[in-house]
Amino acid sequence: MLLQEFLEDKNIVILGFGKQGRATYNYIRKHFKNKKITIADKNENIDKSELDVENIHFKLGENYLEDIDKFDLIIKAPGVVLKDVNTKGFEDKIITDYELLLKYTKGIKIGVTGTKGKSTTSTVLYEVLKQQGKKVFLLGNIGNPILNEIDNIDEESITVIEVSSHTLEFVKTSPDISILLDIYPEHLDHCNGLNDYIKAKFNIAKYQKDTDYFIYNAENELMNGFKFEYKENDIAILLNDNNEIKNKVYLKENSIYFNSKFLMNADEPRMIKGNHMLNNILFVLAVSEILDLDLMKTINIIKTVKPLSHRMEYVGKFNNIEFYDDSIATIPVATINCIKTLKKVNTLICGGMDRGVRQDELIKFLKESEVENIICMPETGFMIYDYLKGSKNVYKVDYIEEAVKIAKQVTKKDFICLLSPAASSYNKYKNFEEKGNLYQKAIKDNII
């Protein structure tokens, strides 16, 4: 069945009208010029200038979820939170553009999720496939909204989709190749506890066929504590070899293997910094082996792919201080990994929105580390400040420009100032990109 056939006779509500909601509307309107559609969004002031308002019913404002169960199909945007809504009785009506792609397109679908590393892994994988002559699409969180491209996908296509836990919460379908990079506590404000978050992540592979592949992190503590029925095809990713696991891509004596097959030296690609980056590359190599790609071409492409912005990004050296931007780090473990990788961090700028993720591990790490200066931003940064004052040089600031000004004054010459929030940026900024861009601008504007 084509997607148009599936949608044709449905009474549809688009739940959430951001970037993906608009892509959903545009797709439906492209194929059904006069179809009546409902748009539901908490925001009362959505832009209606390019909408066919005569064929739209709007449910906007605080009561936008009222009678949501009365529709045949609820196409939900990832940003819409339903944790406080009892969805029993209409859960099967909830679908996302991601699941529409899986159900109603041909070709190979590769889903990539995890708490950290999704964008990097998806991008490297996309480049590996593209540069080996494949017809490949990069969609989801990192790329175009799915429904902008869905008409162009055919049986020759390979689609790489970066998928969040919000998207996976209600899915009943899985891709041909599912990748689960890691799980750490995050987005707990979007779900009813850590277990629900873990469960959503594992949904990426829950509905696979026996002939499909699940590539998973076999060393992640939260993943290992979750009961899941792995298949014979599934491939474990390990930074330390485990003889009890048969199907695996792993590191041994600074070499990477797929089972008994040597793939490459671990220190070969210039882009690999730290174990978390190496871990991402192992997943890409696993896909390369599954799809029988040219191994040497895969390795050479991995070597040349540039790291994405705001991910341990080297901003430059100013007044003999090296500045790094890791604003993508929205959980404590990401900040800890970045400090361990860079080694010469003298000043850390941290803090952001409090989403219920505990900071204990980061506080303990910082207390014992050689990081001398910690510049703390609201909200979580102020909590860190309270715990570290007296044992470190700690500073409270409200905005990133103030943080940079202090950092330039206190950071030792020939050492590193690092922005790595260990929390999301939504309390003060539009997203981590805006925070990172303002950080880089403040550095280069020479605010002192």
Protein backbone atom coordinates (compact mmCIF):
# COMPACT_ATOMS: atom_id res chain seq x y z
CA MET A 1 0.00 0.00 0.00
CA LEU A 2 1.26 3.46 -0.88
CA LEU A 3 1.35 6.13 1.81
CA GLN A 4 -1.23 8.19 -0.09
CA GLU A 5 -3.64 5.24 -0.06
CA PHE A 6 -3.16 4.84 3.68
CA LEU A 7 -3.88 8.51 4.36
CA GLU A 8 -6.68 9.03 1.85
CA ASP A 9 -9.73 8.16 3.94
CA LYS A 10 -8.34 9.04 7.38
CA ASN A 11 -9.54 11.83 9.66
CA ILE A 12 -6.09 13.22 10.53
CA VAL A 13 -4.75 15.48 13.24
CA ILE A 14 -1.20 16.81 13.02
CA LEU A 15 -0.06 16.98 16.64
CA GLY A 16 2.64 19.62 16.98
CA PHE A 17 3.25 22.19 14.26
CA GLY A 18 6.97 22.87 14.27
CA LYS A 19 9.36 21.95 11.45
CA GLN A 20 8.19 18.35 11.17
CA GLY A 21 4.53 19.18 11.62
CA ARG A 22 4.75 21.62 8.73
CA ALA A 23 6.46 19.00 6.57
CA THR A 24 3.60 16.62 7.37
CA TYR A 25 1.03 19.26 6.41
CA ASN A 26 2.87 20.07 3.14
CA TYR A 27 3.00 16.40 2.20
CA ILE A 28 -0.71 15.83 2.84
CA ARG A 29 -1.70 19.02 1.05
CA LYS A 30 0.52 18.12 -1.94
CA HIS A 31 -1.36 14.85 -2.46
CA PHE A 32 -4.81 15.87 -1.17
CA LYS A 33 -5.61 19.43 -2.23
CA ASN A 34 -8.96 19.71 -0.46
CA LYS A 35 -8.60 17.27 2.42
CA LYS A 36 -9.79 18.55 5.79
CA ILE A 37 -6.93 18.43 8.31
CA THR A 38 -6.77 19.34 11.99
CA ILE A 39 -3.68 21.03 13.40
CA ALA A 40 -3.22 20.82 17.19
CA ASP A 41 -0.52 22.76 18.98
CA LYS A 42 -0.07 24.32 22.41
CA ASN A 43 1.22 27.47 20.71
CA GLU A 44 -1.72 29.76 19.94
CA ASN A 45 0.32 31.91 17.56
CA ILE A 46 1.49 29.54 14.83
CA ASP A 47 2.22 31.13 11.45
CA LYS A 48 -0.84 30.55 9.23
CA SER A 49 0.32 32.69 6.29
CA GLU A 50 1.06 29.80 3.91
CA LEU A 51 -1.75 27.50 5.04
CA ASP A 52 -5.01 26.66 3.33
CA VAL A 53 -7.01 27.77 6.35
CA GLU A 54 -10.38 26.94 4.75
CA ASN A 55 -9.48 23.24 4.85
CA ILE A 56 -7.92 23.27 8.32
CA HIS A 57 -9.48 23.02 11.76
CA PHE A 58 -7.19 24.52 14.41
CA LYS A 59 -6.95 23.26 18.01
CA LEU A 60 -4.52 25.71 19.60
CA GLY A 61 -3.66 26.68 23.15
CA GLU A 62 -3.83 24.90 26.49
CA ASN A 63 -6.68 22.58 25.45
CA TYR A 64 -5.05 21.41 22.22
CA LEU A 65 -5.17 17.75 23.34
CA GLU A 66 -8.89 17.77 24.05
CA ASP A 67 -10.75 14.97 22.19
CA ILE A 68 -7.49 13.94 20.50
CA ASP A 69 -8.63 10.31 20.67
CA LYS A 70 -11.55 10.99 18.30
CA PHE A 71 -9.32 11.09 15.21
CA ASP A 72 -8.49 8.10 12.98
CA LEU A 73 -4.81 9.05 12.85
CA ILE A 74 -2.66 11.20 15.14
CA ILE A 75 0.60 12.17 13.39
CA LYS A 76 2.72 13.26 16.34
CA ALA A 77 5.79 15.49 16.22
CA PRO A 78 8.66 14.35 18.50
CA GLY A 79 8.50 17.50 20.63
CA VAL A 80 4.96 16.85 21.85
CA VAL A 81 5.06 15.36 25.35
CA LEU A 82 2.29 12.91 26.27
CA LYS A 83 3.73 11.55 29.52
CA ASP A 84 0.81 12.94 31.57
CA VAL A 85 -1.82 11.79 29.07
CA ASN A 86 -3.52 8.41 29.42
CA THR A 87 -3.14 7.10 25.85
CA LYS A 88 -4.68 3.68 26.49
CA GLY A 89 -7.48 3.13 24.04
CA PHE A 90 -5.99 5.28 21.28
CA GLU A 91 -2.25 4.53 21.40
CA ASP A 92 -2.49 2.57 18.13
CA LYS A 93 -3.68 5.73 16.37
CA ILE A 94 -0.46 7.60 17.24
CA ILE A 95 2.16 7.52 14.51
CA THR A 96 5.20 9.57 13.46
CA ASP A 97 6.71 10.45 10.10
CA TYR A 98 9.49 7.97 10.98
CA GLU A 99 7.06 5.06 11.18
CA LEU A 100 5.30 6.18 7.99
CA LEU A 101 8.70 5.98 6.27
CA LEU A 102 9.37 2.49 7.63
CA LYS A 103 5.95 1.16 6.65
CA TYR A 104 5.37 2.78 3.28
CA THR A 105 8.72 3.05 1.48
CA LYS A 106 11.03 0.53 -0.13
CA GLY A 107 14.81 0.24 0.05
CA ILE A 108 17.04 -0.23 3.09
CA LYS A 109 16.26 1.75 6.24
CA ILE A 110 18.92 2.36 8.92
CA GLY A 111 17.75 3.87 12.21
CA VAL A 112 20.28 5.46 14.54
CA THR A 113 19.51 6.30 18.17
CA GLY A 114 21.30 6.65 21.49
CA THR A 115 21.74 9.35 24.10
CA LYS A 116 24.94 10.65 22.56
CA GLY A 117 26.63 10.32 19.17
CA LYS A 118 23.51 10.05 16.97
CA SER A 119 24.31 12.99 14.71
CA THR A 120 27.99 12.13 14.28
CA THR A 121 27.32 8.46 13.55
CA SER A 122 24.45 9.25 11.16
CA THR A 123 26.56 11.82 9.29
CA VAL A 124 29.62 9.58 8.94
CA LEU A 125 27.43 6.69 7.82
CA TYR A 126 25.69 8.92 5.26
CA GLU A 127 29.05 10.07 3.85
CA VAL A 128 30.37 6.50 3.66
CA LEU A 129 27.29 5.41 1.69
CA LYS A 130 27.14 8.49 -0.53
CA GLN A 131 30.81 8.38 -1.45
CA GLN A 132 30.48 4.70 -2.37
CA GLY A 133 27.85 5.59 -4.95
CA LYS A 134 24.69 4.67 -3.05
CA LYS A 135 21.43 6.57 -3.40
CA VAL A 136 21.24 7.66 0.22
CA PHE A 137 19.10 10.06 2.26
CA LEU A 138 19.92 11.56 5.67
CA LEU A 139 16.66 12.26 7.49
CA GLY A 140 15.15 12.79 10.93
CA ASN A 141 16.72 14.88 13.68
CA ILE A 142 19.93 15.59 11.75
CA GLY A 143 18.63 15.94 8.19
CA ASN A 144 15.53 17.00 6.32
CA PRO A 145 12.13 16.25 7.81
CA ILE A 146 11.22 12.79 6.54
CA LEU A 147 8.09 13.75 4.63
CA ASN A 148 10.00 16.33 2.60
CA GLU A 149 11.87 13.49 0.90
CA ILE A 150 9.59 10.47 1.16
CA ASP A 151 8.34 10.68 -2.44
CA ASN A 152 11.94 10.42 -3.70
CA ILE A 153 12.73 7.16 -1.88
CA ASP A 154 12.60 3.96 -3.97
CA GLU A 155 13.84 0.37 -3.80
CA GLU A 156 17.40 1.47 -4.66
CA SER A 157 17.53 3.92 -1.75
CA ILE A 158 19.29 3.61 1.57
CA THR A 159 17.79 5.90 4.20
CA VAL A 160 19.72 6.86 7.34
CA ILE A 161 17.38 8.23 10.01
CA GLU A 162 18.51 9.83 13.26
CA VAL A 163 15.80 8.97 15.78
CA SER A 164 15.08 10.37 19.25
CA SER A 165 13.41 8.61 22.17
CA HIS A 166 10.40 10.91 21.65
CA THR A 167 9.94 9.48 18.16
CA LEU A 168 10.39 5.88 19.33
CA GLU A 169 7.94 6.03 22.22
CA PHE A 170 4.88 4.76 20.31
CA VAL A 171 6.42 2.93 17.31
CA LYS A 172 5.33 -0.56 16.27
CA THR A 173 7.81 -0.97 13.40
CA SER A 174 11.62 -1.24 13.21
CA PRO A 175 14.16 -0.56 10.44
CA ASP A 176 16.24 -3.15 8.57
CA ILE A 177 19.34 -2.08 10.49
CA SER A 178 18.82 -0.64 13.98
CA ILE A 179 21.65 1.10 15.82
CA LEU A 180 21.59 1.81 19.56
CA LEU A 181 24.79 3.65 20.46
CA ASP A 182 24.41 4.09 24.22
CA ILE A 183 21.95 5.07 26.95
CA TYR A 184 22.50 7.60 29.74
CA PRO A 185 19.90 9.46 31.83
CA GLU A 186 18.49 12.30 29.70
CA HIS A 187 15.12 13.73 28.60
CA LEU A 188 13.60 12.53 31.86
CA ASP A 189 11.27 15.52 31.75
CA HIS A 190 9.73 13.99 28.60
CA CYS A 191 8.94 10.56 30.03
CA ASN A 192 7.78 8.83 33.18
CA GLY A 193 11.16 7.86 34.56
CA LEU A 194 14.40 6.30 33.38
CA ASN A 195 12.92 2.88 32.62
CA ASP A 196 10.45 4.37 30.13
CA TYR A 197 13.33 6.22 28.44
CA ILE A 198 15.36 2.99 28.12
CA LYS A 199 12.31 1.11 26.86
CA ALA A 200 11.70 3.74 24.17
CA LYS A 201 15.30 3.47 22.98
CA PHE A 202 15.07 -0.31 22.64
CA ASN A 203 11.89 0.11 20.57
CA ILE A 204 14.19 0.85 17.63
CA ALA A 205 14.86 -2.89 17.37
CA LYS A 206 11.88 -4.43 19.16
CA TYR A 207 9.87 -5.12 15.99
CA GLN A 208 12.65 -6.38 13.72
CA LYS A 209 12.45 -9.56 11.65
CA ASP A 210 14.97 -12.36 12.17
CA THR A 211 16.73 -11.30 8.97
CA ASP A 212 17.22 -7.74 10.23
CA TYR A 213 20.25 -6.46 12.16
CA PHE A 214 20.49 -4.80 15.56
CA ILE A 215 23.87 -3.21 16.32
CA TYR A 216 24.16 -2.40 20.00
CA ASN A 217 26.60 -1.21 22.65
CA ALA A 218 27.45 -4.32 24.68
CA GLU A 219 29.31 -2.37 27.38
CA ASN A 220 26.68 0.18 28.34
CA GLU A 221 25.51 -0.35 31.91
CA LEU A 222 21.90 0.76 31.42
CA MET A 223 21.53 -1.29 28.25
CA ASN A 224 22.95 -4.41 29.90
CA GLY A 225 20.45 -4.04 32.73
CA PHE A 226 17.48 -4.09 30.34
CA LYS A 227 15.96 -7.45 29.37
CA PHE A 228 15.88 -7.74 25.58
CA GLU A 229 15.68 -10.71 23.23
CA TYR A 230 18.67 -10.41 20.90
CA LYS A 231 18.66 -12.21 17.55
CA GLU A 232 21.34 -14.36 15.95
CA ASN A 233 22.08 -11.59 13.40
CA ASP A 234 22.65 -8.91 16.03
CA ILE A 235 26.11 -7.38 16.36
CA ALA A 236 27.68 -6.26 19.63
CA ILE A 237 30.04 -3.27 19.75
CA LEU A 238 32.88 -3.58 22.26
CA LEU A 239 35.91 -1.50 23.18
CA ASN A 240 37.15 -4.55 25.11
CA ASP A 241 36.87 -8.01 23.57
CA ASN A 242 34.44 -10.44 25.20
CA ASN A 243 34.90 -14.09 24.29
CA GLU A 244 31.36 -14.93 25.36
CA ILE A 245 29.88 -12.83 22.54
CA LYS A 246 30.10 -14.40 19.07
CA ASN A 247 28.92 -11.68 16.67
CA LYS A 248 30.82 -8.47 17.33
CA VAL A 249 32.93 -5.54 16.18
CA TYR A 250 35.56 -4.92 18.80
CA LEU A 251 38.88 -3.38 19.77
CA LYS A 252 41.85 -5.59 20.58
CA GLU A 253 45.43 -4.37 21.04
CA ASN A 254 44.65 -1.13 19.18
CA SER A 255 43.16 -2.98 16.22
CA ILE A 256 39.51 -3.23 15.18
CA TYR A 257 38.02 -6.61 14.20
CA PHE A 258 34.70 -7.93 12.93
CA ASN A 259 34.66 -11.37 14.54
CA SER A 260 38.01 -12.80 13.34
CA LYS A 261 38.39 -10.36 10.42
CA PHE A 262 40.88 -7.49 10.85
CA LEU A 263 39.34 -4.18 9.76
CA MET A 264 41.74 -1.34 10.63
CA ASN A 265 44.09 0.20 13.18
CA ALA A 266 42.16 2.11 15.84
CA ASP A 267 44.39 5.20 15.73
CA GLU A 268 44.22 5.54 11.95
CA PRO A 269 41.38 8.04 11.41
CA ARG A 270 42.35 11.60 12.33
CA MET A 271 38.80 12.40 13.44
CA ILE A 272 38.83 9.92 16.34
CA LYS A 273 39.23 11.72 19.66
CA GLY A 274 38.41 9.66 22.71
CA ASN A 275 36.62 6.37 23.24
CA HIS A 276 33.16 7.82 22.48
CA MET A 277 34.26 8.78 18.94
CA LEU A 278 35.94 5.41 18.46
CA ASN A 279 32.72 3.76 19.58
CA ASN A 280 30.77 5.63 16.88
CA ILE A 281 33.22 4.48 14.21
CA LEU A 282 32.81 0.83 15.23
CA PHE A 283 29.08 1.11 14.49
CA VAL A 284 29.81 2.55 11.03
CA LEU A 285 32.24 -0.29 10.31
CA ALA A 286 29.58 -2.82 11.36
CA VAL A 287 27.12 -1.37 8.82
CA SER A 288 29.84 -1.37 6.17
CA GLU A 289 30.32 -5.10 6.75
CA ILE A 290 26.57 -5.86 6.75
CA LEU A 291 26.10 -4.05 3.42
CA ASP A 292 29.34 -5.53 1.99
CA LEU A 293 30.80 -2.12 1.19
CA ASP A 294 34.38 -1.61 0.05
CA LEU A 295 36.30 -1.67 3.35
CA MET A 296 39.25 0.45 2.21
CA LYS A 297 36.91 3.10 0.81
CA THR A 298 34.95 3.09 4.08
CA ILE A 299 38.15 3.60 6.09
CA ASN A 300 39.37 6.40 3.81
CA ILE A 301 36.02 8.19 4.02
CA ILE A 302 36.01 7.91 7.82
CA LYS A 303 39.46 9.56 7.84
CA THR A 304 38.29 12.59 5.90
CA VAL A 305 34.85 13.34 7.40
CA LYS A 306 34.94 16.61 9.34
CA PRO A 307 33.53 16.58 12.89
CA LEU A 308 30.19 18.36 13.28
CA SER A 309 29.98 21.81 14.87
CA HIS A 310 29.63 22.14 18.67
CA ARG A 311 30.95 18.61 19.22
CA MET A 312 34.34 18.99 20.86
CA GLU A 313 34.97 21.64 18.20
CA TYR A 314 38.26 23.50 18.27
CA VAL A 315 37.37 27.20 18.08
CA GLY A 316 40.92 28.55 18.06
CA LYS A 317 43.78 29.86 20.15
CA PHE A 318 43.37 33.40 21.49
CA ASN A 319 45.78 35.08 23.92
CA ASN A 320 47.52 31.69 24.22
CA ILE A 321 44.31 30.02 25.45
CA GLU A 322 42.79 27.17 23.45
CA PHE A 323 39.00 27.32 23.23
CA TYR A 324 36.76 24.30 22.60
CA ASP A 325 33.00 24.22 22.00
CA ASP A 326 31.19 21.08 23.17
CA SER A 327 27.76 22.64 23.63
CA ILE A 328 26.13 19.41 22.37
CA ALA A 329 27.10 17.86 25.75
CA THR A 330 23.73 17.87 27.51
CA ILE A 331 24.44 15.17 30.11
CA PRO A 332 27.21 14.87 32.73
CA VAL A 333 28.89 11.80 31.21
CA ALA A 334 29.40 13.66 27.91
CA THR A 335 31.18 16.51 29.72
CA ILE A 336 33.33 14.06 31.70
CA ASN A 337 34.32 12.22 28.49
CA CYS A 338 35.23 15.50 26.79
CA ILE A 339 37.46 16.64 29.67
CA LYS A 340 39.18 13.23 29.76
CA THR A 341 39.77 13.35 26.00
CA LEU A 342 41.12 16.92 25.82
CA LYS A 343 43.19 16.46 29.03
CA LYS A 344 44.46 20.06 29.37
CA VAL A 345 41.15 21.65 30.44
CA ASN A 346 41.85 24.44 32.93
CA THR A 347 38.45 26.17 32.73
CA LEU A 348 35.04 24.59 32.28
CA ILE A 349 31.86 26.51 31.44
CA CYS A 350 28.89 24.38 32.43
CA GLY A 351 25.22 24.50 33.40
CA GLY A 352 21.84 24.65 31.73
CA MET A 353 18.23 23.58 32.07
CA ASP A 354 17.44 21.28 34.98
CA ARG A 355 15.63 18.26 33.50
CA GLY A 356 15.98 16.02 36.54
CA VAL A 357 19.33 14.47 35.51
CA ARG A 358 21.56 14.08 38.58
CA GLN A 359 24.89 15.94 38.55
CA ASP A 360 26.57 13.91 41.33
CA GLU A 361 28.96 12.07 39.02
CA LEU A 362 30.13 15.30 37.38
CA ILE A 363 30.55 17.09 40.73
CA LYS A 364 32.66 14.22 42.10
CA PHE A 365 34.73 14.12 38.91
CA LEU A 366 35.36 17.87 38.91
CA LYS A 367 36.29 17.88 42.59
CA GLU A 368 38.99 15.27 41.93
CA SER A 369 40.08 16.64 38.53
CA GLU A 370 42.78 19.13 37.54
CA VAL A 371 40.18 21.57 36.21
CA GLU A 372 40.85 24.69 38.30
CA ASN A 373 38.09 27.06 37.17
CA ILE A 374 34.41 26.20 36.86
CA ILE A 375 32.13 28.90 35.46
CA CYS A 376 28.54 28.05 36.33
CA MET A 377 25.41 29.00 34.40
CA PRO A 378 21.78 28.53 35.47
CA GLU A 379 20.15 26.23 36.44
CA THR A 380 22.28 23.13 36.98
CA GLY A 381 25.48 25.17 37.09
CA PHE A 382 24.28 26.99 40.20
CA MET A 383 23.79 23.60 41.89
CA ILE A 384 27.34 22.64 40.92
CA TYR A 385 28.58 25.98 42.25
CA ASP A 386 27.09 25.27 45.68
CA TYR A 387 28.85 21.90 45.90
CA LEU A 388 32.26 23.03 44.61
CA LYS A 389 32.74 26.41 46.28
CA GLY A 390 35.66 26.17 48.65
CA SER A 391 37.36 23.37 46.70
CA LYS A 392 37.61 25.04 43.26
CA ASN A 393 37.59 28.49 41.73
CA VAL A 394 33.88 28.78 40.94
CA TYR A 395 31.98 31.64 39.34
CA LYS A 396 28.28 32.31 38.77
CA VAL A 397 27.15 33.97 35.53
CA ASP A 398 23.83 34.35 33.77
CA TYR A 399 24.96 34.55 30.14
CA ILE A 400 27.63 32.99 27.95
CA GLU A 401 29.27 36.34 27.19
CA GLU A 402 29.97 36.85 30.91
CA ALA A 403 31.39 33.33 31.07
CA VAL A 404 33.81 33.99 28.21
CA LYS A 405 34.93 37.27 29.79
CA ILE A 406 35.84 35.50 33.05
CA ALA A 407 37.41 32.56 31.21
CA LYS A 408 39.80 34.87 29.36
CA GLN A 409 40.89 36.35 32.67
CA VAL A 410 41.39 33.15 34.68
CA THR A 411 42.45 30.41 32.23
CA LYS A 412 46.15 29.54 32.31
CA LYS A 413 48.16 30.21 29.17
CA ASP A 414 48.60 27.18 26.87
CA PHE A 415 45.66 25.44 28.54
CA ILE A 416 42.05 24.90 27.46
CA CYS A 417 38.78 26.69 28.14
CA LEU A 418 35.91 24.31 27.40
CA LEU A 419 32.19 24.96 27.01
CA SER A 420 30.51 21.68 27.90
CA PRO A 421 27.20 22.35 29.69
CA ALA A 422 26.27 18.84 30.94
CA ALA A 423 22.67 20.04 30.55
CA SER A 424 20.39 21.29 27.80
CA SER A 425 20.38 24.96 26.79
CA TYR A 426 16.61 25.54 26.51
CA ASN A 427 16.33 27.58 29.72
CA LYS A 428 18.30 30.49 28.21
CA TYR A 429 18.78 29.70 24.53
CA LYS A 430 16.87 28.32 21.55
CA ASN A 431 19.10 25.23 21.44
CA PHE A 432 22.70 24.08 21.91
CA GLU A 433 23.66 25.54 18.51
CA GLU A 434 22.66 29.07 19.57
CA LYS A 435 24.58 28.74 22.83
CA GLY A 436 27.65 27.42 21.00
CA ASN A 437 27.49 30.11 18.32
CA LEU A 438 27.26 32.88 20.94
CA TYR A 439 30.20 31.32 22.80
CA GLN A 440 32.31 31.32 19.64
CA LYS A 441 31.26 34.86 18.78
CA ALA A 442 32.17 36.11 22.28
CA ILE A 443 35.61 34.52 21.99
CA LYS A 444 36.32 36.06 18.60
CA ASP A 445 34.84 39.44 19.59
CA ASN A 446 37.59 39.58 22.19
CA ILE A 447 35.23 40.54 25.05
CA ILE A 448 37.50 41.10 28.05
